[in-house]
PDB file of N, CA and C in Angstrom:
ATOM      1  N   MET A   1     114.007 104.377 102.566  1.00  0.00           N
ATOM      2  CA  MET A   1     114.315 102.835 102.692  1.00  0.00           C
ATOM      3  C   MET A   1     113.090 102.480 101.416  1.00  0.00           C
ATOM      4  N   ARG A   2     112.153 102.996 100.864  1.00  0.00           N
ATOM      5  CA  ARG A   2     111.654 102.483  99.446  1.00  0.00           C
ATOM      6  C   ARG A   2     112.101 102.662  98.719  1.00  0.00           C
ATOM      7  N   ASP A   3     112.853 103.877  98.497  1.00  0.00           N
ATOM      8  CA  ASP A   3     113.648 103.841  96.806  1.00  0.00           C
ATOM      9  C   ASP A   3     114.917 103.078  96.820  1.00  0.00           C
ATOM     10  N   LYS A   4     115.113 102.720  98.320  1.00  0.00           N
ATOM     11  CA  LYS A   4     116.682 101.730  97.591  1.00  0.00           C
ATOM     12  C   LYS A   4     116.277 100.566  97.600  1.00  0.00           C
ATOM     13  N   LEU A   5     115.300 100.027  98.196  1.00  0.00           N
ATOM     14  CA  LEU A   5     114.871  98.714  98.049  1.00  0.00           C
ATOM     15  C   LEU A   5     114.323  98.725  96.465  1.00  0.00           C
ATOM     16  N   LYS A   6     113.524  99.498  96.040  1.00  0.00           N
ATOM     17  CA  LYS A   6     113.218  99.724  94.485  1.00  0.00           C
ATOM     18  C   LYS A   6     114.236  99.692  93.451  1.00  0.00           C
ATOM     19  N   ALA A   7     115.234 100.112  94.074  1.00  0.00           N
ATOM     20  CA  ALA A   7     116.369 100.221  92.851  1.00  0.00           C
ATOM     21  C   ALA A   7     117.204  99.360  93.111  1.00  0.00           C
ATOM     22  N   GLN A   8     116.999  98.184  93.962  1.00  0.00           N
ATOM     23  CA  GLN A   8     117.905  96.864  94.022  1.00  0.00           C
ATOM     24  C   GLN A   8     116.985  95.926  93.676  1.00  0.00           C
ATOM     25  N   GLY A   9     115.792  96.286  92.992  1.00  0.00           N
ATOM     26  CA  GLY A   9     114.782  95.327  92.313  1.00  0.00           C
ATOM     27  C   GLY A   9     113.699  94.414  93.177  1.00  0.00           C
ATOM     28  N   ASN A  10     113.814  95.080  94.294  1.00  0.00           N
ATOM     29  CA  ASN A  10     112.785  94.235  95.427  1.00  0.00           C
ATOM     30  C   ASN A  10     111.493  94.913  95.227  1.00  0.00           C
ATOM     31  N   ILE A  11     110.510  94.046  95.525  1.00  0.00           N
ATOM     32  CA  ILE A  11     109.265  94.103  95.099  1.00  0.00           C
ATOM     33  C   ILE A  11     108.888  94.995  96.443  1.00  0.00           C
ATOM     34  N   VAL A  12     108.304  96.412  96.249  1.00  0.00           N
ATOM     35  CA  VAL A  12     108.092  97.310  97.560  1.00  0.00           C
ATOM     36  C   VAL A  12     106.590  97.587  97.300  1.00  0.00           C
ATOM     37  N   TRP A  13     105.862  97.483  98.491  1.00  0.00           N
ATOM     38  CA  TRP A  13     104.376  98.395  98.610  1.00  0.00           C
ATOM     39  C   TRP A  13     104.489  99.015  99.302  1.00  0.00           C
ATOM     40  N   TYR A  14     103.998 100.552  99.728  1.00  0.00           N
ATOM     41  CA  TYR A  14     104.214 101.683 100.515  1.00  0.00           C
ATOM     42  C   TYR A  14     102.933 102.018 100.373  1.00  0.00           C
ATOM     43  N   LEU A  15     102.419 102.456 101.585  1.00  0.00           N
ATOM     44  CA  LEU A  15     101.253 102.712 102.296  1.00  0.00           C
ATOM     45  C   LEU A  15     101.477 103.806 102.950  1.00  0.00           C
ATOM     46  N   GLU A  16     100.757 105.043 102.495  1.00  0.00           N
ATOM     47  CA  GLU A  16     100.608 106.207 103.237  1.00  0.00           C
ATOM     48  C   GLU A  16      99.278 106.928 103.638  1.00  0.00           C
ATOM     49  N   ALA A  17      98.740 107.236 104.693  1.00  0.00           N
ATOM     50  CA  ALA A  17      97.758 107.834 104.897  1.00  0.00           C
ATOM     51  C   ALA A  17      97.805 109.295 104.800  1.00  0.00           C
ATOM     52  N   LYS A  18      97.383 109.731 104.103  1.00  0.00           N
ATOM     53  CA  LYS A  18      97.376 111.536 104.286  1.00  0.00           C
ATOM     54  C   LYS A  18      96.886 112.184 105.260  1.00  0.00           C
ATOM     55  N   ASP A  19      96.084 111.583 106.197  1.00  0.00           N
ATOM     56  CA  ASP A  19      95.555 112.032 107.200  1.00  0.00           C
ATOM     57  C   ASP A  19      95.830 111.974 108.559  1.00  0.00           C
ATOM     58  N   GLU A  20      97.113 111.184 108.410  1.00  0.00           N
ATOM     59  CA  GLU A  20      97.674 110.845 109.885  1.00  0.00           C
ATOM     60  C   GLU A  20      99.666 110.880 109.355  1.00  0.00           C
ATOM     61  N   GLY A  21     100.297 110.806 110.769  1.00  0.00           N
ATOM     62  CA  GLY A  21     101.761 111.134 110.788  1.00  0.00           C
ATOM     63  C   GLY A  21     102.172 109.582 110.463  1.00  0.00           C
ATOM     64  N   HIS A  22     103.259 108.996 111.389  1.00  0.00           N
ATOM     65  CA  HIS A  22     103.844 108.115 111.229  1.00  0.00           C
ATOM     66  C   HIS A  22     103.193 106.930 112.175  1.00  0.00           C
ATOM     67  N   GLY A  23     102.616 105.844 111.211  1.00  0.00           N
ATOM     68  CA  GLY A  23     101.792 104.840 111.501  1.00  0.00           C
ATOM     69  C   GLY A  23     100.241 105.079 111.259  1.00  0.00           C
ATOM     70  N   PHE A  24      99.595 104.056 111.847  1.00  0.00           N
ATOM     71  CA  PHE A  24      98.136 104.119 111.529  1.00  0.00           C
ATOM     72  C   PHE A  24      97.709 104.033 112.669  1.00  0.00           C
ATOM     73  N   ARG A  25      96.589 105.097 113.062  1.00  0.00           N
ATOM     74  CA  ARG A  25      95.815 105.008 114.347  1.00  0.00           C
ATOM     75  C   ARG A  25      94.159 104.996 114.382  1.00  0.00           C
ATOM     76  N   LYS A  26      94.183 105.854 112.834  1.00  0.00           N
ATOM     77  CA  LYS A  26      92.504 105.990 112.847  1.00  0.00           C
ATOM     78  C   LYS A  26      92.088 104.515 112.110  1.00  0.00           C
ATOM     79  N   LYS A  27      90.918 103.906 112.477  1.00  0.00           N
ATOM     80  CA  LYS A  27      90.422 102.666 112.190  1.00  0.00           C
ATOM     81  C   LYS A  27      90.020 102.467 110.930  1.00  0.00           C
ATOM     82  N   PRO A  28      89.472 103.308 109.731  1.00  0.00           N
ATOM     83  CA  PRO A  28      89.431 103.140 108.632  1.00  0.00           C
ATOM     84  C   PRO A  28      91.114 103.000 108.063  1.00  0.00           C
ATOM     85  N   ASN A  29      92.496 103.600 108.325  1.00  0.00           N
ATOM     86  CA  ASN A  29      93.352 103.330 107.853  1.00  0.00           C
ATOM     87  C   ASN A  29      94.399 102.117 108.432  1.00  0.00           C
ATOM     88  N   VAL A  30      93.827 101.846 109.819  1.00  0.00           N
ATOM     89  CA  VAL A  30      94.047 100.635 109.989  1.00  0.00           C
ATOM     90  C   VAL A  30      93.901  99.332 109.407  1.00  0.00           C
ATOM     91  N   ASP A  31      92.364  99.366 109.179  1.00  0.00           N
ATOM     92  CA  ASP A  31      91.633  98.419 108.530  1.00  0.00           C
ATOM     93  C   ASP A  31      92.197  98.183 107.044  1.00  0.00           C
ATOM     94  N   PHE A  32      92.573  99.404 106.433  1.00  0.00           N
ATOM     95  CA  PHE A  32      92.960  99.383 104.894  1.00  0.00           C
ATOM     96  C   PHE A  32      94.743  98.633 105.069  1.00  0.00           C
ATOM     97  N   GLN A  33      95.416  98.876 106.103  1.00  0.00           N
ATOM     98  CA  GLN A  33      96.836  98.621 106.046  1.00  0.00           C
ATOM     99  C   GLN A  33      96.884  96.815 106.373  1.00  0.00           C
ATOM    100  N   ARG A  34      95.804  96.347 107.402  1.00  0.00           N
ATOM    101  CA  ARG A  34      96.209  95.105 107.519  1.00  0.00           C
ATOM    102  C   ARG A  34      95.743  94.344 105.915  1.00  0.00           C
ATOM    103  N   LEU A  35      94.314  94.917 105.534  1.00  0.00           N
ATOM    104  CA  LEU A  35      94.085  94.363 104.160  1.00  0.00           C
ATOM    105  C   LEU A  35      95.172  94.211 103.288  1.00  0.00           C
ATOM    106  N   ALA A  36      95.923  95.396 103.533  1.00  0.00           N
ATOM    107  CA  ALA A  36      96.825  95.390 102.353  1.00  0.00           C
ATOM    108  C   ALA A  36      98.421  94.273 102.574  1.00  0.00           C
ATOM    109  N   VAL A  37      98.239  93.956 104.048  1.00  0.00           N
ATOM    110  CA  VAL A  37      99.457  93.147 104.399  1.00  0.00           C
ATOM    111  C   VAL A  37      98.911  91.968 104.012  1.00  0.00           C
ATOM    112  N   ILE A  38      97.318  91.431 104.226  1.00  0.00           N
ATOM    113  CA  ILE A  38      97.005  89.845 103.846  1.00  0.00           C
ATOM    114  C   ILE A  38      96.989  89.702 102.612  1.00  0.00           C
ATOM    115  N   LYS A  39      96.657  91.114 101.873  1.00  0.00           N
ATOM    116  CA  LYS A  39      96.814  90.586 100.187  1.00  0.00           C
ATOM    117  C   LYS A  39      98.414  90.657  99.985  1.00  0.00           C
ATOM    118  N   PHE A  40      99.039  91.317 100.481  1.00  0.00           N
ATOM    119  CA  PHE A  40     100.742  90.995 100.133  1.00  0.00           C
ATOM    120  C   PHE A  40     101.156  89.590 100.135  1.00  0.00           C
ATOM    121  N   MET A  41     100.831  89.233 101.277  1.00  0.00           N
ATOM    122  CA  MET A  41     101.039  87.701 101.878  1.00  0.00           C
ATOM    123  C   MET A  41     100.425  86.602 100.762  1.00  0.00           C
ATOM    124  N   GLU A  42      99.478  86.918 100.845  1.00  0.00           N
ATOM    125  CA  GLU A  42      98.790  85.851  99.661  1.00  0.00           C
ATOM    126  C   GLU A  42      99.283  85.896  98.273  1.00  0.00           C
ATOM    127  N   THR A  43      99.759  87.401  97.996  1.00  0.00           N
ATOM    128  CA  THR A  43     100.457  87.593  96.518  1.00  0.00           C
ATOM    129  C   THR A  43     101.917  86.649  96.293  1.00  0.00           C
ATOM    130  N   TYR A  44     102.704  86.930  97.552  1.00  0.00           N
ATOM    131  CA  TYR A  44     104.359  87.004  97.374  1.00  0.00           C
ATOM    132  C   TYR A  44     104.767  85.568  98.432  1.00  0.00           C
ATOM    133  N   LEU A  45     103.705  85.573  99.557  1.00  0.00           N
ATOM    134  CA  LEU A  45     104.355  84.366 100.055  1.00  0.00           C
ATOM    135  C   LEU A  45     103.838  82.692 100.105  1.00  0.00           C
ATOM    136  N   ILE A  46     102.128  83.104  99.967  1.00  0.00           N
ATOM    137  CA  ILE A  46     101.713  82.267  99.858  1.00  0.00           C
ATOM    138  C   ILE A  46     101.922  81.152  98.412  1.00  0.00           C
ATOM    139  N   ASN A  47     101.754  82.027  97.354  1.00  0.00           N
ATOM    140  CA  ASN A  47     101.558  81.445  96.396  1.00  0.00           C
ATOM    141  C   ASN A  47     103.006  81.078  95.502  1.00  0.00           C
TER     142      ASN A  47
END
């Protein structure tokens, strides 16, 4: 999906935790994912 969206010219942020499978469960990874979502929203939705 990421590659298809990028190929269509969409902005894509892809997060992957090397120490987890599908999703984020470990607190440091969850915290990072939440901060990334906030930053994405600030960058592309609010401004």
